Amino acid sequence: MATYDAIIIGAGPGGYVCAIRCAQLGLNVAVAEGRDALGGTCLNVGCIPSKALLNATHQLHEAHENFEKMGLIGGAPTVDWAKMQTYKQDVVNGNTKGIEFLFKKNKITWLKGWATIPGAGQVKVGDDIHHAKNIVIATGSEAASLPGVTVDETTVVTSTGALTLAKIPASMVVIGAGVIGLEMGSVYARLGTKVTVVEYLDTITPGMDAEVAKAFQKILMKQGLRFIMGAAVQGVAVAGGMATVTCKLRKDDKESVLEAETVLLATGRKPYTAGLGLEALGVEMLPRGQIKTDHFATNIKGLYAIGDAITGPMLAHKAEDEGMALAEILAGKSGHVNYGLIPGVIYTTPEVASVGQTEEQLKEAGRAYKVGKFPFMGNARAKAVFQADGFVKILADKTTDRILGAHIIGPGAGDLIHEVCVAMEFGASAQDLALTSHAHPTYSEAVREAALACGDGAIHA
C-alpha cells in the first residue's frame, strides 16, 4: 500500500486540523476514520449538535418569556421535536461535509475504517496495511462510566443518547454538574422537562472560579434546574420505562431516591484508545488511561498522540492547537501550545467563560493580586436584550497590573473571553485593556469596565 509522511488516526478536531496543517506544510498525509462522517465526536455527537439544540431552545425561551415585552405579540410557538432533530442534523451534516471538502482541497487521503497499529510505522485499516514515517493518535475520548449505572442510550443515556431522545422527557436526572450535564440539562429544562442535577462535590463545575460557580448555580436554579449537591450515586435501576436513581448524601449518609423518565450520565470523559494495539506495541500509558507523551511523542519512535488521548483539558480547541503544533514539528519546524491560555466555555444562557488563573489558584500560590469586576446590569446592550445577569471579573498582578486571569458570566461570554486571551498572550496589563476604545453599545464594554475597575474604578458602576 501507499507510504505517507504521516497517518493520523481519528478525524476529530485534533486529527483533521493536524492533517490539514501537515498538508499545508507539504507533507503527504492520510487520515484513518471509521465513522461515516468526518469531524469526530465534536462535530457528530458532541459540540456541534449540542450547540444547535442550545440555540433552538434559547429561541424558544425568548419567544415565551421576552417577545411580548418587546411588542412581539402572537401565539407562543410549540415544539416539533422531530423537526428540531432534523435541524440539528442539518447543522451536523453541513459541518462534516465541510471537512470532506477541506480534505479534497488539501489532497488528504481518507482511509475509511477503524485503524490498528500492528507495528512501528504501520497502520492497518480493514485488510490493508499502510506505512507512514509518522503516526499520530488523535482518537479522542468517550463518556466515563460509573459503578452501578448501566447505559442503554434509551432511558439511561450519555451525552450521545441525550441528543437523540425519542421524545422530550417529563423528568430527567443529570448525574454530574460539569459542562455537559449543565448544557444538556438547560436544553431540556427549556423544553419543559423537570431537571434534577446530582453532584458528588459541593460545588458545580469543578475548577471554575468559586465566585462565578456560585453565581452560575443561582442563575440556573432561577431557570428551573434543581440541584442535589454532595450526593454519591449508588445505582440506577430501570423498570417500566422509568429510572430510579439512588444516591447517598455525604454529609449525613442519608439515602435519597429519585425517579425520572431519563437519566443523563455526565460524569466526564476518558481517553478512547481501545483496539489500537498500544499494549502490544509497548506504548507507555498513564494511570488514568492517557498516553504518556513528551512534546506529543510517545516512547515508540515515530508514534505521537494529541487531544483527549493525552493529558490536559478535554477541549476541542486544545486538540486543534496540539494538532497544529505537532504538524509544525513533523515538518521540521517549532510547534508550541500555551497551555496557560486555553479558554474554557459553557454554552448555556448566560454563557460562562474563563482563561488563566482563578482567585483560588492565586491564593494557593501566594500571589498578590487585585480584582476588577463589572456587572452586566451596568451594560446598556445587555439590559436591552434581557441578559443583564452576570459579570466580568479580571484578576491582575497587584504590583505589575499584568492580567493573570479572567472569568465572565453573561451574554456572549464565549466570544468576549478571547479579547483577554489575546491581551494575556502579549503580556498586557489591565490598564492596556482599560485604555483601549470599545464600541458602544456592545457587551465588550463590560470587559473594559472590569479592567478599569482594576485601577481607579469602572465608569458605569
Protein backbone atom coordinates (compact mmCIF):
# COMPACT_ATOMS: atom_id res chain seq x y z
CA MET A 1 0.00 0.00 0.00
CA ALA A 2 0.95 3.68 -0.13
CA THR A 3 3.56 5.19 2.14
CA TYR A 4 2.77 8.52 3.80
CA ASP A 5 4.74 11.14 5.67
CA ALA A 6 2.02 10.98 8.33
CA ILE A 7 -1.09 8.97 9.07
CA ILE A 8 -3.45 10.45 11.63
CA ILE A 9 -5.83 8.08 13.40
CA GLY A 10 -9.06 9.94 14.13
CA ALA A 11 -10.76 12.78 12.23
CA GLY A 12 -11.95 14.86 15.15
CA PRO A 13 -10.82 18.48 15.69
CA GLY A 14 -7.30 17.42 16.66
CA GLY A 15 -6.91 14.89 13.86
CA TYR A 16 -8.37 16.79 10.93
CA VAL A 17 -6.65 20.06 11.90
CA CYS A 18 -3.32 18.23 12.22
CA ALA A 19 -3.88 16.67 8.78
CA ILE A 20 -4.73 19.96 7.10
CA ARG A 21 -1.72 21.71 8.62
CA CYS A 22 0.55 18.81 7.61
CA ALA A 23 -0.73 19.10 4.04
CA GLN A 24 -0.21 22.87 4.04
CA LEU A 25 3.40 22.25 5.07
CA GLY A 26 3.96 19.91 2.12
CA LEU A 27 3.57 16.53 3.81
CA ASN A 28 1.78 13.59 2.17
CA VAL A 29 -0.89 12.75 4.74
CA ALA A 30 -3.77 10.36 5.30
CA VAL A 31 -6.43 10.13 8.00
CA ALA A 32 -7.94 6.87 9.23
CA GLU A 33 -11.54 7.31 10.39
CA GLY A 34 -14.20 4.66 10.91
CA ARG A 35 -17.25 6.91 11.20
CA ASP A 36 -19.35 7.53 8.12
CA ALA A 37 -18.68 11.25 8.57
CA LEU A 38 -15.55 13.21 9.43
CA GLY A 39 -15.34 15.50 12.46
CA GLY A 40 -15.16 13.00 15.30
CA THR A 41 -17.26 13.20 18.45
CA CYS A 42 -17.27 17.01 18.41
CA LEU A 43 -18.96 17.52 15.06
CA ASN A 44 -21.10 14.39 15.05
CA VAL A 45 -22.35 13.80 18.60
CA GLY A 46 -20.81 16.50 20.76
CA CYS A 47 -20.02 20.21 20.48
CA ILE A 48 -21.91 21.00 17.28
CA PRO A 49 -25.25 19.19 17.70
CA SER A 50 -25.48 20.29 21.33
CA LYS A 51 -24.99 23.92 20.30
CA ALA A 52 -27.77 23.55 17.74
CA LEU A 53 -30.15 22.38 20.48
CA LEU A 54 -28.93 25.08 22.85
CA ASN A 55 -29.68 27.69 20.18
CA ALA A 56 -33.11 26.29 19.34
CA THR A 57 -34.23 26.09 22.95
CA HIS A 58 -32.86 29.58 23.71
CA GLN A 59 -35.00 30.95 20.89
CA LEU A 60 -37.97 29.08 22.38
CA HIS A 61 -37.29 30.68 25.76
CA GLU A 62 -37.09 34.13 24.17
CA ALA A 63 -40.40 33.61 22.37
CA HIS A 64 -42.15 32.53 25.56
CA GLU A 65 -40.55 34.94 28.02
CA ASN A 66 -39.42 38.08 26.18
CA PHE A 67 -41.18 38.54 22.85
CA GLU A 68 -44.27 40.13 24.40
CA LYS A 69 -42.05 42.51 26.39
CA MET A 70 -40.62 43.74 23.07
CA GLY A 71 -44.03 44.21 21.50
CA LEU A 72 -43.92 40.98 19.52
CA ILE A 73 -47.45 39.73 20.00
CA GLY A 74 -48.73 36.37 18.80
CA GLY A 75 -49.25 32.79 19.77
CA ALA A 76 -46.35 31.23 21.65
CA PRO A 77 -44.58 28.61 19.49
CA THR A 78 -44.82 24.91 20.26
CA VAL A 79 -42.07 22.36 19.80
CA ASP A 80 -41.92 19.93 16.89
CA TRP A 81 -39.25 17.63 18.35
CA ALA A 82 -38.77 15.68 15.12
CA LYS A 83 -38.22 18.88 13.14
CA MET A 84 -35.81 20.19 15.78
CA GLN A 85 -33.86 16.94 15.43
CA THR A 86 -33.78 17.45 11.65
CA TYR A 87 -32.45 20.99 12.12
CA LYS A 88 -29.77 19.69 14.46
CA GLN A 89 -28.72 17.00 11.96
CA ASP A 90 -28.64 19.50 9.10
CA VAL A 91 -26.20 21.58 11.15
CA VAL A 92 -24.05 18.49 11.74
CA ASN A 93 -24.14 17.47 8.06
CA GLY A 94 -23.15 20.93 6.88
CA ASN A 95 -20.11 20.92 9.12
CA THR A 96 -18.95 17.36 8.39
CA LYS A 97 -19.34 17.89 4.64
CA GLY A 98 -17.20 20.98 5.08
CA ILE A 99 -14.38 18.84 6.48
CA GLU A 100 -14.69 16.48 3.48
CA PHE A 101 -14.29 19.48 1.19
CA LEU A 102 -11.18 20.59 3.07
CA PHE A 103 -9.70 17.09 2.75
CA LYS A 104 -10.19 17.17 -1.01
CA LYS A 105 -8.87 20.72 -1.26
CA ASN A 106 -5.69 19.77 0.63
CA LYS A 107 -5.30 16.36 -1.09
CA ILE A 108 -5.68 14.43 2.16
CA THR A 109 -6.47 10.73 1.80
CA TRP A 110 -9.35 9.39 3.90
CA LEU A 111 -8.66 5.78 4.89
CA LYS A 112 -12.22 4.70 5.66
CA GLY A 113 -12.38 2.22 8.54
CA TRP A 114 -11.21 1.64 12.09
CA ALA A 115 -7.45 1.58 12.45
CA THR A 116 -4.99 -0.53 14.41
CA ILE A 117 -1.23 -0.19 14.73
CA PRO A 118 0.26 -3.67 14.15
CA GLY A 119 3.84 -2.42 14.25
CA ALA A 120 6.01 0.69 14.23
CA GLY A 121 5.27 2.75 11.14
CA GLN A 122 2.24 0.64 10.21
CA VAL A 123 -1.47 1.40 10.26
CA LYS A 124 -3.96 -1.32 9.39
CA VAL A 125 -7.39 -0.32 8.09
CA GLY A 126 -9.57 -3.22 7.06
CA ASP A 127 -7.32 -5.77 5.34
CA ASP A 128 -4.80 -3.17 4.17
CA ILE A 129 -1.60 -2.15 5.93
CA HIS A 130 -0.39 1.37 5.20
CA HIS A 131 3.07 2.69 6.02
CA ALA A 132 3.99 6.04 7.48
CA LYS A 133 7.09 7.84 8.72
CA ASN A 134 4.94 9.25 11.49
CA ILE A 135 1.69 8.07 13.10
CA VAL A 136 -0.49 10.40 15.14
CA ILE A 137 -3.09 9.07 17.58
CA ALA A 138 -6.00 11.52 17.73
CA THR A 139 -8.75 9.14 18.80
CA GLY A 140 -10.44 11.44 21.30
CA SER A 141 -12.49 10.30 24.27
CA GLU A 142 -15.67 8.53 25.33
CA ALA A 143 -18.13 9.00 28.18
CA ALA A 144 -16.81 7.82 31.53
CA SER A 145 -18.76 5.10 33.31
CA LEU A 146 -19.98 4.98 36.90
CA PRO A 147 -20.34 1.85 39.08
CA GLY A 148 -23.95 0.80 39.42
CA VAL A 149 -25.06 2.70 36.31
CA THR A 150 -25.71 0.78 33.08
CA VAL A 151 -26.11 2.94 29.99
CA ASP A 152 -28.63 1.80 27.38
CA GLU A 153 -28.78 5.13 25.46
CA THR A 154 -32.58 5.00 25.74
CA THR A 155 -33.53 5.54 29.38
CA VAL A 156 -30.04 5.90 30.84
CA VAL A 157 -28.03 7.94 28.35
CA THR A 158 -24.69 9.61 27.85
CA SER A 159 -24.40 12.93 26.02
CA THR A 160 -24.70 10.96 22.76
CA GLY A 161 -28.09 9.50 23.62
CA ALA A 162 -29.28 12.79 25.12
CA LEU A 163 -29.02 14.36 21.67
CA THR A 164 -31.42 11.88 20.07
CA LEU A 165 -34.08 11.00 22.65
CA ALA A 166 -37.26 9.62 21.07
CA LYS A 167 -39.30 12.27 22.87
CA ILE A 168 -38.90 15.12 25.30
CA PRO A 169 -38.99 13.52 28.76
CA ALA A 170 -41.21 14.88 31.50
CA SER A 171 -38.38 14.41 34.00
CA MET A 172 -34.62 13.95 33.89
CA VAL A 173 -31.92 13.29 36.45
CA VAL A 174 -28.49 14.54 35.41
CA ILE A 175 -25.58 12.82 37.17
CA GLY A 176 -22.73 15.31 37.24
CA ALA A 177 -22.73 19.13 37.35
CA GLY A 178 -19.98 19.64 34.81
CA VAL A 179 -20.14 21.31 31.41
CA ILE A 180 -22.01 18.53 29.56
CA GLY A 181 -24.55 17.96 32.30
CA LEU A 182 -25.40 21.64 32.69
CA GLU A 183 -25.58 22.35 28.96
CA MET A 184 -27.88 19.41 28.21
CA GLY A 185 -29.80 19.95 31.43
CA SER A 186 -30.55 23.53 30.40
CA VAL A 187 -31.67 22.36 26.94
CA TYR A 188 -34.30 20.04 28.40
CA ALA A 189 -35.32 22.44 31.17
CA ARG A 190 -36.23 24.99 28.47
CA LEU A 191 -38.22 22.27 26.69
CA GLY A 192 -40.31 21.78 29.81
CA THR A 193 -38.52 18.83 31.41
CA LYS A 194 -38.21 18.77 35.20
CA VAL A 195 -34.42 18.55 35.58
CA THR A 196 -32.61 17.50 38.76
CA VAL A 197 -28.81 17.62 38.83
CA VAL A 198 -26.99 15.32 41.26
CA GLU A 199 -23.37 16.22 42.01
CA TYR A 200 -20.87 14.43 44.25
CA LEU A 201 -18.98 17.62 45.12
CA ASP A 202 -20.36 20.61 47.00
CA THR A 203 -19.98 22.99 44.04
CA ILE A 204 -20.85 22.82 40.36
CA THR A 205 -18.29 22.99 37.53
CA PRO A 206 -15.18 21.77 39.40
CA GLY A 207 -12.15 24.01 38.87
CA MET A 208 -14.16 27.10 37.99
CA ASP A 209 -13.60 30.34 39.89
CA ALA A 210 -15.72 29.84 43.02
CA GLU A 211 -17.50 33.20 42.84
CA VAL A 212 -18.53 32.55 39.23
CA ALA A 213 -19.65 28.99 40.02
CA LYS A 214 -21.85 30.23 42.87
CA ALA A 215 -23.47 32.90 40.71
CA PHE A 216 -23.90 30.42 37.84
CA GLN A 217 -25.73 27.92 40.03
CA LYS A 218 -28.12 30.59 41.29
CA ILE A 219 -28.97 31.61 37.73
CA LEU A 220 -29.58 28.01 36.68
CA MET A 221 -31.83 27.49 39.69
CA LYS A 222 -33.86 30.54 38.62
CA GLN A 223 -34.22 28.82 35.24
CA GLY A 224 -35.79 25.79 36.91
CA LEU A 225 -32.89 23.37 37.43
CA ARG A 226 -32.86 21.65 40.81
CA PHE A 227 -29.56 20.67 42.44
CA ILE A 228 -28.68 17.97 44.96
CA MET A 229 -25.09 18.62 45.99
CA GLY A 230 -22.71 16.40 47.91
CA ALA A 231 -24.51 13.26 46.80
CA ALA A 232 -22.89 9.99 45.72
CA VAL A 233 -24.95 7.98 43.23
CA GLN A 234 -25.23 4.38 44.40
CA GLY A 235 -27.01 2.97 41.38
CA VAL A 236 -29.71 3.35 38.74
CA ALA A 237 -32.49 0.82 38.18
CA VAL A 238 -34.77 0.81 35.12
CA ALA A 239 -38.26 -0.70 35.09
CA GLY A 240 -41.44 0.08 33.18
CA GLY A 241 -39.88 2.89 31.20
CA MET A 242 -38.81 4.76 34.35
CA ALA A 243 -35.45 5.05 36.06
CA THR A 244 -34.86 5.07 39.80
CA VAL A 245 -31.69 6.80 40.98
CA THR A 246 -30.42 6.02 44.46
CA CYS A 247 -27.91 8.40 45.97
CA LYS A 248 -26.38 8.94 49.38
CA LEU A 249 -25.76 12.38 50.86
CA ARG A 250 -22.17 12.63 52.05
CA LYS A 251 -22.84 14.98 54.96
CA ASP A 252 -25.30 12.74 56.84
CA ASP A 253 -25.09 9.40 54.96
CA LYS A 254 -28.83 9.54 54.25
CA GLU A 255 -30.19 7.87 51.13
CA SER A 256 -32.30 9.72 48.60
CA VAL A 257 -34.31 8.12 45.80
CA LEU A 258 -35.23 9.98 42.61
CA GLU A 259 -37.46 8.85 39.76
CA ALA A 260 -37.22 10.13 36.21
CA GLU A 261 -38.08 9.19 32.65
CA THR A 262 -34.47 9.79 31.60
CA VAL A 263 -31.12 9.71 33.36
CA LEU A 264 -28.16 11.53 31.80
CA LEU A 265 -24.78 10.21 32.93
CA ALA A 266 -22.45 13.21 32.66
CA THR A 267 -19.55 12.38 34.96
CA GLY A 268 -16.83 13.27 32.50
CA ARG A 269 -14.95 11.54 29.72
CA LYS A 270 -11.98 9.19 29.38
CA PRO A 271 -9.43 8.65 26.59
CA TYR A 272 -10.55 6.32 23.82
CA THR A 273 -7.59 4.14 22.84
CA ALA A 274 -9.09 0.64 22.94
CA GLY A 275 -8.36 -1.59 19.99
CA LEU A 276 -5.37 0.32 18.66
CA GLY A 277 -2.88 -2.31 19.79
CA LEU A 278 -0.94 0.03 22.08
CA GLU A 279 -0.28 -2.61 24.74
CA ALA A 280 1.32 -4.98 22.24
CA LEU A 281 3.45 -2.12 20.92
CA GLY A 282 4.66 -1.34 24.42
CA VAL A 283 3.32 2.21 24.48
CA GLU A 284 3.70 3.78 27.93
CA MET A 285 0.38 4.79 29.49
CA LEU A 286 -0.56 6.93 32.48
CA PRO A 287 -2.71 5.69 35.41
CA ARG A 288 -5.87 7.44 34.17
CA GLY A 289 -5.70 5.92 30.70
CA GLN A 290 -3.89 8.69 28.85
CA ILE A 291 -0.96 8.03 26.57
CA LYS A 292 2.30 9.24 28.08
CA THR A 293 3.97 11.80 25.81
CA ASP A 294 6.86 14.24 25.71
CA HIS A 295 6.09 17.08 23.28
CA PHE A 296 3.45 14.75 21.79
CA ALA A 297 5.97 11.95 21.21
CA THR A 298 5.35 8.55 22.78
CA ASN A 299 8.13 6.18 23.81
CA ILE A 300 7.81 4.49 20.38
CA LYS A 301 9.81 6.25 17.67
CA GLY A 302 7.58 7.90 15.08
CA LEU A 303 4.40 7.50 17.16
CA TYR A 304 2.69 10.60 18.54
CA ALA A 305 -0.54 11.45 20.35
CA ILE A 306 -2.65 14.58 20.80
CA GLY A 307 -6.01 15.77 22.14
CA ASP A 308 -8.14 13.87 24.62
CA ALA A 309 -5.84 10.83 24.36
CA ILE A 310 -3.14 12.68 26.34
CA THR A 311 -3.07 14.84 29.48
CA GLY A 312 -4.72 18.22 29.71
CA PRO A 313 -8.24 19.60 29.40
CA MET A 314 -10.52 17.61 27.10
CA LEU A 315 -11.39 20.50 24.81
CA ALA A 316 -11.69 20.53 21.03
CA HIS A 317 -9.66 23.71 20.67
CA LYS A 318 -6.88 22.31 22.85
CA ALA A 319 -6.72 19.32 20.48
CA GLU A 320 -6.68 21.68 17.48
CA ASP A 321 -3.78 23.66 18.95
CA GLU A 322 -1.87 20.45 19.58
CA GLY A 323 -2.62 19.19 16.07
CA MET A 324 -1.22 22.36 14.52
CA ALA A 325 1.83 22.34 16.80
CA LEU A 326 2.61 18.70 16.04
CA ALA A 327 2.25 19.28 12.30
CA GLU A 328 4.86 22.01 12.59
CA ILE A 329 7.16 19.64 14.45
CA LEU A 330 6.72 16.87 11.85
CA ALA A 331 7.60 19.38 9.13
CA GLY A 332 10.85 20.27 10.90
CA LYS A 333 9.64 23.48 12.46
CA SER A 334 8.93 24.52 16.06
CA GLY A 335 5.47 23.78 17.44
CA HIS A 336 4.17 25.33 20.65
CA VAL A 337 0.99 25.35 22.73
CA ASN A 338 0.47 27.87 25.53
CA TYR A 339 -1.47 25.66 27.94
CA GLY A 340 -1.92 28.55 30.38
CA LEU A 341 -4.12 30.41 27.89
CA ILE A 342 -6.61 27.78 26.76
CA PRO A 343 -10.08 29.23 27.42
CA GLY A 344 -13.00 27.23 28.72
CA VAL A 345 -16.62 27.97 27.79
CA ILE A 346 -20.02 26.69 28.92
CA TYR A 347 -22.67 27.44 26.29
CA THR A 348 -25.71 27.85 28.50
CA THR A 349 -27.61 31.13 28.67
CA PRO A 350 -25.88 33.05 30.07
CA GLU A 351 -22.59 31.70 28.80
CA VAL A 352 -19.68 31.20 31.15
CA ALA A 353 -16.07 31.61 30.03
CA SER A 354 -12.68 31.69 31.69
CA VAL A 355 -8.98 31.87 30.94
CA GLY A 356 -5.90 31.88 33.12
CA GLN A 357 -5.95 31.52 36.88
CA THR A 358 -8.80 31.62 39.38
CA GLU A 359 -8.77 33.50 42.68
CA GLU A 360 -8.41 30.20 44.49
CA GLN A 361 -5.30 29.31 42.49
CA LEU A 362 -3.73 32.71 43.09
CA LYS A 363 -4.38 32.47 46.82
CA GLU A 364 -2.90 29.00 46.97
CA ALA A 365 0.21 30.23 45.13
CA GLY A 366 0.55 33.19 47.48
CA ARG A 367 0.36 35.64 44.58
CA ALA A 368 -0.56 39.23 45.39
CA TYR A 369 -3.40 40.22 43.07
CA LYS A 370 -6.24 42.66 42.58
CA VAL A 371 -9.75 42.14 41.27
CA GLY A 372 -11.67 44.24 38.79
CA LYS A 373 -15.38 43.40 38.45
CA PHE A 374 -18.21 44.84 36.41
CA PRO A 375 -21.83 43.64 36.37
CA PHE A 376 -23.74 43.28 33.11
CA MET A 377 -26.52 45.19 34.86
CA GLY A 378 -24.42 48.27 34.05
CA ASN A 379 -24.10 47.33 30.36
CA ALA A 380 -26.70 49.01 28.14
CA ARG A 381 -26.62 46.35 25.42
CA ALA A 382 -27.11 43.50 27.91
CA LYS A 383 -30.09 45.23 29.51
CA ALA A 384 -31.66 45.81 26.10
CA VAL A 385 -31.75 42.06 25.39
CA PHE A 386 -32.80 40.91 28.87
CA GLN A 387 -29.39 39.40 29.67
CA ALA A 388 -28.16 41.60 32.49
CA ASP A 389 -27.36 38.70 34.84
CA GLY A 390 -23.68 38.01 35.49
CA PHE A 391 -20.43 39.95 35.46
CA VAL A 392 -16.89 40.23 34.14
CA LYS A 393 -14.07 39.57 36.58
CA ILE A 394 -10.43 40.33 35.78
CA LEU A 395 -7.55 39.27 38.02
CA ALA A 396 -4.30 41.23 37.72
CA ASP A 397 -0.96 41.23 39.49
CA LYS A 398 -1.10 43.71 42.36
CA THR A 399 2.27 45.24 41.53
CA THR A 400 2.70 44.98 37.76
CA ASP A 401 -1.02 45.09 36.75
CA ARG A 402 -0.37 42.19 34.35
CA ILE A 403 -3.56 40.23 33.67
CA LEU A 404 -3.47 36.80 35.34
CA GLY A 405 -6.96 35.55 34.61
CA ALA A 406 -10.45 36.50 33.53
CA HIS A 407 -13.86 34.99 34.28
CA ILE A 408 -17.08 36.02 32.55
CA ILE A 409 -20.67 35.01 33.12
CA GLY A 410 -23.02 36.80 30.78
CA PRO A 411 -24.13 37.27 27.17
CA GLY A 412 -21.55 36.27 24.57
CA ALA A 413 -19.01 35.30 27.22
CA GLY A 414 -17.54 32.64 24.92
CA ASP A 415 -16.59 35.32 22.42
CA LEU A 416 -15.72 38.08 24.88
CA ILE A 417 -13.07 35.95 26.60
CA HIS A 418 -10.82 35.99 23.54
CA GLU A 419 -10.07 39.68 23.88
CA VAL A 420 -8.49 38.81 27.22
CA CYS A 421 -6.76 35.73 25.74
CA VAL A 422 -5.00 37.88 23.13
CA ALA A 423 -4.13 40.50 25.74
CA MET A 424 -2.61 37.87 28.02
CA GLU A 425 -0.68 36.31 25.12
CA PHE A 426 1.06 39.66 24.68
CA GLY A 427 1.58 40.15 28.42
CA ALA A 428 -0.87 43.04 28.64
CA SER A 429 -1.83 44.87 31.79
CA ALA A 430 -5.37 45.58 32.90
CA GLN A 431 -4.66 49.22 32.08
CA ASP A 432 -3.88 48.25 28.47
CA LEU A 433 -7.42 46.89 28.15
CA ALA A 434 -8.87 49.85 30.05
CA LEU A 435 -7.27 52.37 27.67
CA THR A 436 -8.45 50.55 24.52
CA SER A 437 -11.55 52.04 22.89
CA HIS A 438 -14.54 49.68 22.83
CA ALA A 439 -17.54 50.32 20.60
CA HIS A 440 -20.78 51.40 22.25
CA PRO A 441 -23.15 49.73 22.82
CA THR A 442 -21.51 46.30 22.95
CA TYR A 443 -21.15 43.56 25.52
CA SER A 444 -17.38 44.03 25.23
CA GLU A 445 -17.64 47.31 27.13
CA ALA A 446 -18.14 45.21 30.26
CA VAL A 447 -14.64 43.80 29.76
CA ARG A 448 -13.19 47.29 29.53
CA GLU A 449 -15.12 48.37 32.63
CA ALA A 450 -13.76 45.39 34.60
CA ALA A 451 -10.26 46.40 33.50
CA LEU A 452 -10.97 49.97 34.65
CA ALA A 453 -12.11 48.50 37.98
CA CYS A 454 -8.59 47.10 38.42
CA GLY A 455 -7.45 50.74 38.57
CA ASP A 456 -9.35 53.84 39.70
CA GLY A 457 -12.75 52.25 39.13
CA ALA A 458 -15.35 51.46 36.50
CA ILE A 459 -17.32 54.31 34.96
CA HIS A 460 -20.80 52.76 34.87
CA ALA A 461 -20.85 51.05 38.26
